[in-house]
Amino acid sequence: MLVNLCHRDMHVLDDEGEVAGVIPAHPSAPWFEFEEETMESSVVDGAVIQVFQESVSNMEVLPEQETGTFYIVPRRVALAAWERGDLCYPCDVERNGDNKIIGCHRFKLA
């Protein structure tokens, strides 16, 4: 089962790029907060280049893991909590002429 923890509906597309189904947004989708920590700063040709790590500061808002259930979350959240194994994000997205995402073909585990 897929549970959408994002703030907007997920449109799933078929092979022709048409909407095949919609996974509705969760009525009480959690809001995630992100923090950045600079790990390294280097100067390259006069420009300061940073290497940073991003973490989600409020992971406790995620529901408990449940066998057979996968939670759709923003990619940044899934990657930050990759060890859970039940968080996925939209993959193989398609965009319209205004470069806005219209849907995805599948979901990827982090």
N, C-alpha and C. Protein backbone atom coordinates (compact mmCIF):
# COMPACT_ATOMS: atom_id res chain seq x y z
N MET A 1 0.84 -1.16 0.00
CA MET A 1 0.00 0.00 0.00
C MET A 1 0.90 1.24 0.00
N LEU A 2 0.49 2.26 -0.75
CA LEU A 2 1.19 3.54 -0.80
C LEU A 2 0.40 4.59 -0.04
N VAL A 3 1.08 5.30 0.86
CA VAL A 3 0.46 6.40 1.60
C VAL A 3 1.22 7.67 1.25
N ASN A 4 0.52 8.66 0.77
CA ASN A 4 1.13 9.91 0.34
C ASN A 4 1.23 10.88 1.52
N LEU A 5 2.45 11.10 2.01
CA LEU A 5 2.66 12.04 3.11
C LEU A 5 3.06 13.42 2.61
N CYS A 6 2.88 13.67 1.32
CA CYS A 6 3.19 14.98 0.76
C CYS A 6 1.96 15.88 0.83
N HIS A 7 2.18 17.16 0.61
CA HIS A 7 1.10 18.14 0.72
C HIS A 7 0.26 18.28 -0.54
N ARG A 8 0.62 17.55 -1.59
CA ARG A 8 -0.19 17.61 -2.82
C ARG A 8 -0.41 16.21 -3.35
N ASP A 9 -1.48 16.07 -4.12
CA ASP A 9 -1.81 14.78 -4.72
C ASP A 9 -0.69 14.33 -5.65
N MET A 10 -0.48 13.01 -5.72
CA MET A 10 0.50 12.43 -6.63
C MET A 10 -0.23 11.85 -7.83
N HIS A 11 0.07 12.37 -9.00
CA HIS A 11 -0.51 11.86 -10.24
C HIS A 11 0.43 10.81 -10.82
N VAL A 12 -0.09 9.60 -10.97
CA VAL A 12 0.70 8.50 -11.52
C VAL A 12 0.36 8.38 -12.99
N LEU A 13 1.40 8.34 -13.83
CA LEU A 13 1.22 8.35 -15.27
C LEU A 13 1.39 6.96 -15.87
N ASP A 14 0.68 6.72 -16.98
CA ASP A 14 0.84 5.46 -17.70
C ASP A 14 1.97 5.61 -18.73
N ASP A 15 2.16 4.59 -19.56
CA ASP A 15 3.25 4.60 -20.54
C ASP A 15 3.12 5.71 -21.57
N GLU A 16 1.91 6.20 -21.79
CA GLU A 16 1.69 7.28 -22.76
C GLU A 16 1.76 8.67 -22.12
N GLY A 17 2.02 8.72 -20.82
CA GLY A 17 2.10 10.00 -20.12
C GLY A 17 0.78 10.55 -19.66
N GLU A 18 -0.27 9.74 -19.73
CA GLU A 18 -1.59 10.16 -19.27
C GLU A 18 -1.76 9.78 -17.79
N VAL A 19 -2.56 10.54 -17.08
CA VAL A 19 -2.80 10.25 -15.67
C VAL A 19 -3.60 8.95 -15.56
N ALA A 20 -2.98 7.96 -14.90
CA ALA A 20 -3.62 6.65 -14.73
C ALA A 20 -4.29 6.55 -13.36
N GLY A 21 -3.84 7.38 -12.43
CA GLY A 21 -4.41 7.35 -11.09
C GLY A 21 -3.86 8.49 -10.26
N VAL A 22 -4.54 8.75 -9.15
CA VAL A 22 -4.13 9.82 -8.25
C VAL A 22 -4.07 9.26 -6.84
N ILE A 23 -2.93 9.50 -6.18
CA ILE A 23 -2.79 9.13 -4.78
C ILE A 23 -2.98 10.42 -4.00
N PRO A 24 -4.09 10.55 -3.28
CA PRO A 24 -4.39 11.83 -2.63
C PRO A 24 -3.39 12.19 -1.53
N ALA A 25 -3.22 13.50 -1.36
CA ALA A 25 -2.38 14.00 -0.27
C ALA A 25 -2.98 13.56 1.05
N HIS A 26 -2.12 13.30 2.00
CA HIS A 26 -2.57 12.90 3.34
C HIS A 26 -3.24 14.11 4.00
N PRO A 27 -4.39 13.93 4.65
CA PRO A 27 -5.10 15.07 5.25
C PRO A 27 -4.29 15.80 6.32
N SER A 28 -3.37 15.09 6.97
CA SER A 28 -2.52 15.75 7.97
C SER A 28 -1.06 15.50 7.66
N ALA A 29 -0.68 15.80 6.41
CA ALA A 29 0.70 15.59 5.97
C ALA A 29 1.66 16.37 6.86
N PRO A 30 2.72 15.71 7.33
CA PRO A 30 3.66 16.40 8.21
C PRO A 30 4.49 17.44 7.46
N TRP A 31 4.95 18.44 8.18
CA TRP A 31 5.84 19.45 7.62
C TRP A 31 7.24 19.12 8.10
N PHE A 32 8.18 19.00 7.17
CA PHE A 32 9.54 18.62 7.52
C PHE A 32 10.44 19.85 7.56
N GLU A 33 11.33 19.88 8.52
CA GLU A 33 12.29 20.98 8.65
C GLU A 33 13.68 20.44 8.35
N PHE A 34 14.45 21.22 7.62
CA PHE A 34 15.78 20.80 7.19
C PHE A 34 16.84 21.70 7.80
N GLU A 35 17.98 21.10 8.15
CA GLU A 35 19.12 21.84 8.65
C GLU A 35 20.33 21.49 7.80
N GLU A 36 21.19 22.48 7.58
CA GLU A 36 22.41 22.26 6.81
C GLU A 36 23.62 22.45 7.72
N GLU A 37 24.61 21.61 7.51
CA GLU A 37 25.88 21.74 8.22
C GLU A 37 27.00 21.74 7.20
N THR A 38 27.79 22.79 7.19
CA THR A 38 28.92 22.87 6.26
C THR A 38 30.02 21.94 6.75
N MET A 39 30.44 21.04 5.88
CA MET A 39 31.46 20.06 6.23
C MET A 39 32.85 20.52 5.77
N GLU A 40 32.88 21.30 4.70
CA GLU A 40 34.15 21.73 4.11
C GLU A 40 33.91 22.97 3.27
N SER A 41 34.86 23.86 3.27
CA SER A 41 34.85 25.02 2.37
C SER A 41 36.21 25.07 1.70
N SER A 42 36.20 25.21 0.39
CA SER A 42 37.44 25.30 -0.38
C SER A 42 37.34 26.47 -1.35
N VAL A 43 38.48 27.02 -1.69
CA VAL A 43 38.52 28.08 -2.69
C VAL A 43 39.03 27.47 -3.98
N VAL A 44 38.23 27.60 -5.04
CA VAL A 44 38.59 27.09 -6.36
C VAL A 44 38.51 28.25 -7.33
N ASP A 45 39.64 28.62 -7.90
CA ASP A 45 39.72 29.75 -8.83
C ASP A 45 39.05 31.00 -8.27
N GLY A 46 39.26 31.24 -6.99
CA GLY A 46 38.72 32.44 -6.35
C GLY A 46 37.29 32.31 -5.84
N ALA A 47 36.62 31.23 -6.13
CA ALA A 47 35.24 31.03 -5.68
C ALA A 47 35.23 30.09 -4.47
N VAL A 48 34.44 30.43 -3.47
CA VAL A 48 34.31 29.57 -2.28
C VAL A 48 33.28 28.49 -2.59
N ILE A 49 33.71 27.25 -2.48
CA ILE A 49 32.85 26.10 -2.75
C ILE A 49 32.63 25.36 -1.43
N GLN A 50 31.37 25.12 -1.09
CA GLN A 50 31.06 24.42 0.15
C GLN A 50 30.58 23.00 -0.11
N VAL A 51 30.95 22.12 0.77
CA VAL A 51 30.39 20.78 0.83
C VAL A 51 29.56 20.76 2.11
N PHE A 52 28.27 20.46 1.96
CA PHE A 52 27.41 20.48 3.14
C PHE A 52 26.60 19.21 3.26
N GLN A 53 26.12 18.98 4.45
CA GLN A 53 25.27 17.84 4.73
C GLN A 53 23.93 18.38 5.17
N GLU A 54 22.87 17.76 4.68
CA GLU A 54 21.52 18.18 5.04
C GLU A 54 20.88 17.11 5.89
N SER A 55 20.18 17.52 6.92
CA SER A 55 19.46 16.55 7.76
C SER A 55 18.06 17.08 8.02
N VAL A 56 17.17 16.14 8.32
CA VAL A 56 15.80 16.49 8.67
C VAL A 56 15.76 16.53 10.18
N SER A 57 15.34 17.67 10.71
CA SER A 57 15.43 17.86 12.15
C SER A 57 14.22 17.33 12.92
N ASN A 58 13.15 16.97 12.23
CA ASN A 58 11.95 16.52 12.96
C ASN A 58 11.41 15.20 12.37
N MET A 59 12.25 14.19 12.33
CA MET A 59 11.84 12.89 11.77
C MET A 59 10.77 12.20 12.60
N GLU A 60 10.57 12.65 13.83
CA GLU A 60 9.58 12.01 14.69
C GLU A 60 8.16 12.20 14.17
N VAL A 61 7.96 13.08 13.18
CA VAL A 61 6.62 13.28 12.63
C VAL A 61 6.22 12.16 11.66
N LEU A 62 7.18 11.31 11.29
CA LEU A 62 6.87 10.19 10.40
C LEU A 62 6.11 9.11 11.15
N PRO A 63 5.16 8.46 10.47
CA PRO A 63 4.46 7.36 11.14
C PRO A 63 5.40 6.18 11.36
N GLU A 64 5.03 5.32 12.27
CA GLU A 64 5.79 4.10 12.51
C GLU A 64 5.77 3.22 11.26
N GLN A 65 6.81 2.44 11.08
CA GLN A 65 6.84 1.52 9.95
C GLN A 65 5.74 0.47 10.11
N GLU A 66 5.16 0.10 8.96
CA GLU A 66 4.09 -0.89 8.96
C GLU A 66 4.34 -1.85 7.79
N THR A 67 4.35 -3.12 8.05
CA THR A 67 4.62 -4.11 7.01
C THR A 67 3.69 -3.93 5.82
N GLY A 68 4.26 -3.87 4.62
CA GLY A 68 3.47 -3.75 3.40
C GLY A 68 3.06 -2.33 3.05
N THR A 69 3.49 -1.35 3.83
CA THR A 69 3.14 0.05 3.57
C THR A 69 4.39 0.84 3.22
N PHE A 70 4.29 1.62 2.16
CA PHE A 70 5.36 2.51 1.74
C PHE A 70 4.82 3.93 1.79
N TYR A 71 5.62 4.83 2.32
CA TYR A 71 5.21 6.23 2.49
C TYR A 71 5.89 7.10 1.44
N ILE A 72 5.10 7.86 0.69
CA ILE A 72 5.63 8.80 -0.28
C ILE A 72 5.95 10.09 0.46
N VAL A 73 7.21 10.50 0.35
CA VAL A 73 7.69 11.70 1.02
C VAL A 73 8.54 12.49 0.03
N PRO A 74 8.88 13.74 0.34
CA PRO A 74 9.80 14.47 -0.52
C PRO A 74 11.15 13.73 -0.60
N ARG A 75 11.80 13.85 -1.73
CA ARG A 75 13.06 13.15 -1.95
C ARG A 75 14.07 13.43 -0.84
N ARG A 76 14.15 14.67 -0.41
CA ARG A 76 15.11 15.05 0.62
C ARG A 76 14.86 14.27 1.92
N VAL A 77 13.61 14.02 2.23
CA VAL A 77 13.27 13.28 3.45
C VAL A 77 13.65 11.81 3.28
N ALA A 78 13.31 11.23 2.14
CA ALA A 78 13.63 9.82 1.90
C ALA A 78 15.13 9.58 1.96
N LEU A 79 15.92 10.47 1.38
CA LEU A 79 17.36 10.29 1.39
C LEU A 79 17.94 10.49 2.79
N ALA A 80 17.37 11.39 3.56
CA ALA A 80 17.86 11.62 4.92
C ALA A 80 17.57 10.44 5.83
N ALA A 81 16.51 9.71 5.55
CA ALA A 81 16.11 8.58 6.40
C ALA A 81 16.16 7.27 5.62
N TRP A 82 17.17 7.12 4.79
CA TRP A 82 17.29 5.95 3.92
C TRP A 82 17.26 4.63 4.67
N GLU A 83 17.69 4.62 5.93
CA GLU A 83 17.76 3.37 6.69
C GLU A 83 16.39 2.80 7.03
N ARG A 84 15.35 3.60 6.91
CA ARG A 84 14.00 3.10 7.24
C ARG A 84 13.55 2.02 6.27
N GLY A 85 13.78 2.20 4.99
CA GLY A 85 13.39 1.19 4.01
C GLY A 85 11.95 1.25 3.56
N ASP A 86 11.16 2.18 4.08
CA ASP A 86 9.76 2.26 3.68
C ASP A 86 9.39 3.64 3.13
N LEU A 87 10.39 4.48 2.90
CA LEU A 87 10.15 5.82 2.37
C LEU A 87 10.54 5.88 0.90
N CYS A 88 9.64 6.40 0.09
CA CYS A 88 9.91 6.51 -1.33
C CYS A 88 9.54 7.90 -1.82
N TYR A 89 10.00 8.23 -3.02
CA TYR A 89 9.74 9.54 -3.61
C TYR A 89 9.44 9.39 -5.10
N PRO A 90 8.76 10.37 -5.69
CA PRO A 90 8.41 10.28 -7.11
C PRO A 90 9.65 10.16 -7.99
N CYS A 91 9.55 9.31 -8.99
CA CYS A 91 10.66 9.06 -9.90
C CYS A 91 10.11 9.04 -11.33
N ASP A 92 10.98 9.30 -12.29
CA ASP A 92 10.59 9.33 -13.70
C ASP A 92 9.42 10.30 -13.90
N VAL A 93 9.64 11.54 -13.50
CA VAL A 93 8.60 12.55 -13.60
C VAL A 93 8.51 13.12 -15.00
N GLU A 94 7.35 13.62 -15.35
CA GLU A 94 7.15 14.33 -16.61
C GLU A 94 6.68 15.74 -16.29
N ARG A 95 7.08 16.67 -17.16
CA ARG A 95 6.76 18.08 -16.96
C ARG A 95 5.98 18.59 -18.16
N ASN A 96 5.22 19.68 -17.92
CA ASN A 96 4.47 20.31 -19.01
C ASN A 96 5.35 21.37 -19.67
N GLY A 97 4.79 22.14 -20.58
CA GLY A 97 5.53 23.18 -21.29
C GLY A 97 6.05 24.29 -20.41
N ASP A 98 5.45 24.47 -19.23
CA ASP A 98 5.91 25.47 -18.27
C ASP A 98 6.91 24.89 -17.27
N ASN A 99 7.37 23.67 -17.54
CA ASN A 99 8.34 22.97 -16.70
C ASN A 99 7.79 22.58 -15.32
N LYS A 100 6.47 22.53 -15.21
CA LYS A 100 5.85 22.09 -13.95
C LYS A 100 5.62 20.58 -14.02
N ILE A 101 5.87 19.91 -12.91
CA ILE A 101 5.67 18.46 -12.87
C ILE A 101 4.19 18.14 -12.98
N ILE A 102 3.86 17.24 -13.92
CA ILE A 102 2.46 16.83 -14.08
C ILE A 102 2.21 15.46 -13.45
N GLY A 103 3.27 14.70 -13.23
CA GLY A 103 3.11 13.40 -12.61
C GLY A 103 4.38 12.58 -12.71
N CYS A 104 4.29 11.36 -12.19
CA CYS A 104 5.44 10.45 -12.22
C CYS A 104 4.98 9.08 -12.67
N HIS A 105 5.94 8.28 -13.10
CA HIS A 105 5.64 6.92 -13.55
C HIS A 105 5.80 5.88 -12.45
N ARG A 106 6.66 6.20 -11.49
CA ARG A 106 6.89 5.23 -10.40
C ARG A 106 7.53 5.94 -9.22
N PHE A 107 7.77 5.18 -8.15
CA PHE A 107 8.35 5.72 -6.93
C PHE A 107 9.61 4.94 -6.60
N LYS A 108 10.61 5.65 -6.07
CA LYS A 108 11.89 5.03 -5.79
C LYS A 108 12.17 5.01 -4.30
N LEU A 109 12.61 3.86 -3.78
CA LEU A 109 13.04 3.78 -2.39
C LEU A 109 14.42 4.44 -2.27
N ALA A 110 14.64 5.08 -1.16
CA ALA A 110 15.93 5.75 -0.94
C ALA A 110 17.00 4.73 -0.66
